[in-house]
N, C-alpha and C. Protein backbone atom coordinates (compact mmCIF):
# COMPACT_ATOMS: atom_id res chain seq x y z
N MET A 1 139.43 -157.39 14.33
CA MET A 1 138.98 -158.39 15.25
C MET A 1 137.91 -157.78 16.16
N ALA A 2 136.82 -158.48 16.34
CA ALA A 2 135.73 -158.00 17.19
C ALA A 2 136.02 -158.27 18.66
N VAL A 3 135.51 -157.41 19.50
CA VAL A 3 135.61 -157.61 20.95
C VAL A 3 134.54 -158.62 21.34
N THR A 4 134.95 -159.61 22.15
CA THR A 4 134.00 -160.63 22.58
C THR A 4 134.01 -160.75 24.09
N PHE A 5 132.85 -161.04 24.64
CA PHE A 5 132.72 -161.29 26.07
C PHE A 5 133.36 -162.62 26.39
N VAL A 6 134.18 -162.67 27.45
CA VAL A 6 134.85 -163.91 27.86
C VAL A 6 134.07 -164.59 28.98
N ALA A 7 133.91 -163.91 30.10
CA ALA A 7 133.23 -164.50 31.26
C ALA A 7 133.09 -163.44 32.34
N ALA A 8 132.27 -163.76 33.34
CA ALA A 8 132.16 -162.94 34.54
C ALA A 8 132.40 -163.83 35.74
N GLY A 9 133.05 -163.27 36.75
CA GLY A 9 133.26 -164.01 37.99
C GLY A 9 132.00 -163.97 38.83
N GLY A 10 132.07 -164.54 40.00
CA GLY A 10 130.93 -164.53 40.90
C GLY A 10 130.74 -163.16 41.55
N ILE A 11 129.50 -162.84 41.85
CA ILE A 11 129.20 -161.58 42.53
C ILE A 11 129.53 -161.73 44.01
N VAL A 12 130.23 -160.74 44.55
CA VAL A 12 130.57 -160.72 45.97
C VAL A 12 129.69 -159.67 46.64
N VAL A 13 129.04 -160.04 47.73
CA VAL A 13 128.15 -159.13 48.45
C VAL A 13 128.47 -159.19 49.93
N SER A 14 128.55 -158.02 50.56
CA SER A 14 128.74 -157.96 52.00
C SER A 14 128.07 -156.70 52.54
N SER A 15 127.80 -156.70 53.81
CA SER A 15 127.25 -155.49 54.43
C SER A 15 127.98 -155.17 55.72
N ALA A 16 129.12 -155.83 55.96
CA ALA A 16 129.80 -155.61 57.23
C ALA A 16 131.30 -155.44 57.07
N VAL A 17 131.73 -154.91 55.92
CA VAL A 17 133.17 -154.74 55.67
C VAL A 17 133.44 -153.45 54.91
N THR A 18 134.69 -153.02 54.91
CA THR A 18 135.10 -151.91 54.06
C THR A 18 135.77 -152.43 52.79
N THR A 19 136.14 -153.71 52.76
CA THR A 19 136.84 -154.29 51.61
C THR A 19 136.14 -155.55 51.15
N ILE A 20 135.89 -155.64 49.84
CA ILE A 20 135.40 -156.89 49.26
C ILE A 20 136.47 -157.42 48.32
N ASN A 21 136.70 -158.71 48.38
CA ASN A 21 137.67 -159.38 47.51
C ASN A 21 136.91 -160.00 46.35
N VAL A 22 137.03 -159.37 45.18
CA VAL A 22 136.29 -159.78 44.00
C VAL A 22 137.21 -160.65 43.14
N VAL A 23 136.71 -161.82 42.75
CA VAL A 23 137.51 -162.80 42.01
C VAL A 23 137.29 -162.65 40.51
N ALA A 24 138.40 -162.58 39.78
CA ALA A 24 138.34 -162.49 38.32
C ALA A 24 137.91 -163.84 37.74
N PRO A 25 137.24 -163.83 36.60
CA PRO A 25 136.90 -165.10 35.95
C PRO A 25 138.14 -165.72 35.31
N THR A 26 137.98 -166.89 34.74
CA THR A 26 139.06 -167.50 33.96
C THR A 26 139.27 -166.66 32.72
N LEU A 27 140.51 -166.23 32.50
CA LEU A 27 140.80 -165.35 31.37
C LEU A 27 142.24 -165.56 30.92
N ALA A 28 142.63 -164.88 29.87
CA ALA A 28 143.99 -164.97 29.31
C ALA A 28 144.68 -163.62 29.45
N ALA A 29 146.00 -163.65 29.39
CA ALA A 29 146.77 -162.40 29.40
C ALA A 29 146.28 -161.51 28.26
N ASP A 30 146.22 -160.22 28.51
CA ASP A 30 145.77 -159.18 27.60
C ASP A 30 144.26 -159.06 27.47
N ASP A 31 143.48 -159.93 28.12
CA ASP A 31 142.04 -159.69 28.19
C ASP A 31 141.82 -158.42 29.01
N ILE A 32 140.72 -157.76 28.79
CA ILE A 32 140.38 -156.55 29.55
C ILE A 32 139.37 -156.93 30.63
N MET A 33 139.75 -156.67 31.88
CA MET A 33 138.87 -156.91 33.00
C MET A 33 138.16 -155.61 33.35
N VAL A 34 136.87 -155.70 33.65
CA VAL A 34 136.11 -154.54 34.10
C VAL A 34 135.45 -154.93 35.42
N GLY A 35 135.73 -154.14 36.46
CA GLY A 35 135.14 -154.36 37.77
C GLY A 35 133.97 -153.41 37.96
N PHE A 36 132.83 -153.95 38.37
CA PHE A 36 131.62 -153.17 38.62
C PHE A 36 131.32 -153.22 40.11
N LEU A 37 131.18 -152.07 40.75
CA LEU A 37 130.90 -152.01 42.20
C LEU A 37 129.62 -151.25 42.46
N LEU A 38 128.92 -151.65 43.52
CA LEU A 38 127.69 -150.99 43.93
C LEU A 38 127.66 -150.91 45.44
N GLY A 39 127.41 -149.73 45.96
CA GLY A 39 127.24 -149.54 47.40
C GLY A 39 125.93 -148.83 47.66
N LYS A 40 125.17 -149.32 48.63
CA LYS A 40 123.89 -148.70 48.99
C LYS A 40 124.15 -147.62 50.02
N ASP A 41 125.00 -146.67 49.63
CA ASP A 41 125.39 -145.55 50.48
C ASP A 41 125.97 -144.48 49.57
N ASN A 42 126.49 -143.43 50.12
CA ASN A 42 127.10 -142.35 49.34
C ASN A 42 128.61 -142.31 49.53
N ILE A 43 129.22 -143.47 49.71
CA ILE A 43 130.66 -143.54 49.96
C ILE A 43 131.39 -143.96 48.68
N ASP A 44 132.42 -143.20 48.30
CA ASP A 44 133.20 -143.48 47.11
C ASP A 44 134.00 -144.76 47.29
N HIS A 45 134.32 -145.43 46.17
CA HIS A 45 135.07 -146.68 46.18
C HIS A 45 136.52 -146.44 45.76
N SER A 46 137.40 -147.33 46.18
CA SER A 46 138.80 -147.31 45.78
C SER A 46 139.15 -148.66 45.17
N GLY A 47 140.00 -148.62 44.15
CA GLY A 47 140.41 -149.85 43.48
C GLY A 47 141.81 -150.27 43.87
N PRO A 48 142.15 -151.53 43.58
CA PRO A 48 143.48 -152.03 43.89
C PRO A 48 144.52 -151.44 42.94
N ALA A 49 145.78 -151.60 43.29
CA ALA A 49 146.88 -151.12 42.45
C ALA A 49 146.77 -151.75 41.06
N GLY A 50 147.00 -150.94 40.05
CA GLY A 50 146.96 -151.42 38.68
C GLY A 50 145.61 -151.28 38.00
N TRP A 51 144.58 -150.98 38.76
CA TRP A 51 143.24 -150.78 38.20
C TRP A 51 143.01 -149.28 37.98
N VAL A 52 142.32 -148.93 36.89
CA VAL A 52 142.05 -147.54 36.54
C VAL A 52 140.54 -147.30 36.64
N GLU A 53 140.17 -146.24 37.34
CA GLU A 53 138.74 -145.93 37.49
C GLU A 53 138.19 -145.38 36.17
N ILE A 54 137.10 -145.97 35.72
CA ILE A 54 136.40 -145.49 34.53
C ILE A 54 135.47 -144.35 34.93
N GLY A 55 134.79 -144.53 36.05
CA GLY A 55 133.89 -143.49 36.53
C GLY A 55 133.12 -143.93 37.75
N THR A 56 132.62 -142.93 38.49
CA THR A 56 131.80 -143.17 39.67
C THR A 56 130.59 -142.27 39.61
N GLN A 57 129.46 -142.82 40.00
CA GLN A 57 128.23 -142.05 40.08
C GLN A 57 127.71 -142.15 41.51
N VAL A 58 127.58 -141.00 42.18
CA VAL A 58 127.04 -140.95 43.53
C VAL A 58 125.70 -140.24 43.44
N ASN A 59 124.66 -140.89 43.95
CA ASN A 59 123.34 -140.30 43.93
C ASN A 59 122.93 -140.02 45.37
N ASN A 60 123.09 -138.79 45.80
CA ASN A 60 122.82 -138.44 47.19
C ASN A 60 121.35 -138.47 47.57
N THR A 61 120.46 -138.54 46.60
CA THR A 61 119.04 -138.57 46.96
C THR A 61 118.54 -139.99 47.25
N THR A 62 119.24 -141.00 46.75
CA THR A 62 118.82 -142.39 47.01
C THR A 62 119.89 -143.20 47.72
N ALA A 63 120.98 -142.57 48.15
CA ALA A 63 122.06 -143.26 48.84
C ALA A 63 122.54 -144.46 48.03
N LEU A 64 123.10 -144.20 46.84
CA LEU A 64 123.57 -145.25 45.96
C LEU A 64 124.84 -144.78 45.26
N THR A 65 125.89 -145.62 45.32
CA THR A 65 127.14 -145.31 44.62
C THR A 65 127.50 -146.48 43.71
N THR A 66 127.79 -146.18 42.44
CA THR A 66 128.26 -147.18 41.51
C THR A 66 129.60 -146.72 40.95
N SER A 67 130.47 -147.67 40.67
CA SER A 67 131.74 -147.32 40.04
C SER A 67 132.21 -148.46 39.15
N MET A 68 133.01 -148.10 38.14
CA MET A 68 133.59 -149.08 37.23
C MET A 68 135.09 -148.85 37.15
N TRP A 69 135.83 -149.96 37.08
CA TRP A 69 137.29 -149.96 37.02
C TRP A 69 137.73 -150.93 35.93
N TRP A 70 138.92 -150.68 35.32
CA TRP A 70 139.41 -151.62 34.32
C TRP A 70 140.88 -151.91 34.54
N LYS A 71 141.31 -153.06 33.99
CA LYS A 71 142.71 -153.48 34.05
C LYS A 71 142.96 -154.48 32.94
N ARG A 72 144.11 -154.37 32.27
CA ARG A 72 144.51 -155.37 31.28
C ARG A 72 145.10 -156.55 32.04
N ALA A 73 144.60 -157.75 31.77
CA ALA A 73 145.04 -158.94 32.48
C ALA A 73 146.48 -159.32 32.14
N VAL A 74 147.19 -159.76 33.15
CA VAL A 74 148.54 -160.29 33.00
C VAL A 74 148.54 -161.72 33.54
N GLY A 75 149.64 -162.44 33.32
CA GLY A 75 149.74 -163.79 33.85
C GLY A 75 149.48 -163.78 35.35
N GLY A 76 148.69 -164.71 35.81
CA GLY A 76 148.36 -164.78 37.23
C GLY A 76 147.06 -164.08 37.61
N ASP A 77 146.47 -163.30 36.70
CA ASP A 77 145.21 -162.62 37.01
C ASP A 77 144.00 -163.54 36.88
N SER A 78 144.11 -164.61 36.10
CA SER A 78 142.99 -165.53 35.91
C SER A 78 142.62 -166.16 37.25
N GLY A 79 141.41 -165.91 37.70
CA GLY A 79 140.94 -166.45 38.97
C GLY A 79 141.49 -165.76 40.21
N ALA A 80 142.25 -164.68 40.01
CA ALA A 80 142.84 -163.96 41.15
C ALA A 80 141.78 -163.12 41.85
N SER A 81 142.06 -162.79 43.10
CA SER A 81 141.18 -161.97 43.92
C SER A 81 141.73 -160.54 43.98
N PHE A 82 140.83 -159.56 43.83
CA PHE A 82 141.21 -158.15 43.86
C PHE A 82 140.38 -157.43 44.91
N ALA A 83 141.06 -156.66 45.78
CA ALA A 83 140.40 -155.98 46.90
C ALA A 83 139.96 -154.57 46.50
N PHE A 84 138.65 -154.36 46.51
CA PHE A 84 138.06 -153.04 46.30
C PHE A 84 137.53 -152.57 47.65
N THR A 85 137.65 -151.27 47.92
CA THR A 85 137.31 -150.78 49.25
C THR A 85 136.39 -149.56 49.21
N LYS A 86 135.79 -149.30 50.37
CA LYS A 86 135.10 -148.05 50.63
C LYS A 86 135.63 -147.54 51.97
N ALA A 87 135.53 -146.26 52.21
CA ALA A 87 136.20 -145.65 53.37
C ALA A 87 135.62 -146.03 54.72
N THR A 88 134.33 -146.35 54.77
CA THR A 88 133.67 -146.57 56.05
C THR A 88 132.86 -147.85 56.04
N ASP A 89 132.98 -148.64 57.10
CA ASP A 89 132.12 -149.79 57.29
C ASP A 89 130.85 -149.30 57.98
N ASN A 90 129.80 -149.13 57.20
CA ASN A 90 128.56 -148.60 57.74
C ASN A 90 127.44 -149.66 57.76
N ASN A 91 127.86 -150.93 57.70
CA ASN A 91 126.90 -152.05 57.71
C ASN A 91 125.83 -151.91 56.63
N THR A 92 126.27 -151.49 55.46
CA THR A 92 125.37 -151.28 54.34
C THR A 92 125.86 -152.07 53.13
N PHE A 93 124.94 -152.53 52.31
CA PHE A 93 125.19 -153.33 51.11
C PHE A 93 126.38 -152.80 50.29
N PHE A 94 127.34 -153.69 49.98
CA PHE A 94 128.51 -153.38 49.16
C PHE A 94 128.75 -154.62 48.30
N ALA A 95 128.78 -154.47 46.98
CA ALA A 95 128.88 -155.62 46.08
C ALA A 95 129.79 -155.31 44.90
N GLY A 96 130.32 -156.37 44.29
CA GLY A 96 131.16 -156.21 43.12
C GLY A 96 131.26 -157.47 42.29
N VAL A 97 131.61 -157.30 41.04
CA VAL A 97 131.83 -158.41 40.11
C VAL A 97 132.85 -157.96 39.08
N ILE A 98 133.63 -158.91 38.56
CA ILE A 98 134.59 -158.63 37.50
C ILE A 98 134.19 -159.44 36.27
N ALA A 99 134.13 -158.76 35.11
CA ALA A 99 133.86 -159.41 33.84
C ALA A 99 135.07 -159.18 32.93
N ALA A 100 135.23 -160.04 31.92
CA ALA A 100 136.39 -159.93 31.03
C ALA A 100 135.96 -159.97 29.57
N TRP A 101 136.70 -159.22 28.75
CA TRP A 101 136.48 -159.18 27.30
C TRP A 101 137.81 -159.44 26.60
N ARG A 102 137.73 -159.98 25.41
CA ARG A 102 138.93 -160.28 24.61
C ARG A 102 138.76 -159.62 23.24
């Protein structure tokens, strides 16, 4: 069976918080959710319980941090909100989106 793209939720953007609540798209149990985060700073991100970090890239010369997280969907995850955080509210761009594959 081939892996297929299911959907992506809306992009969440803020510049005045340490936590963004990223909403999962409509999906089914056992779909794979991937959360993509971007911060216009050099601050590492943290994921919610049950999410596994795929990797983080911090670029200290351009003040940019990206990270990816994944989680296998369970009942109740469709359209649910997940809180991703950074350690400091530095009034700088912080964004995230969740996409799903089946």
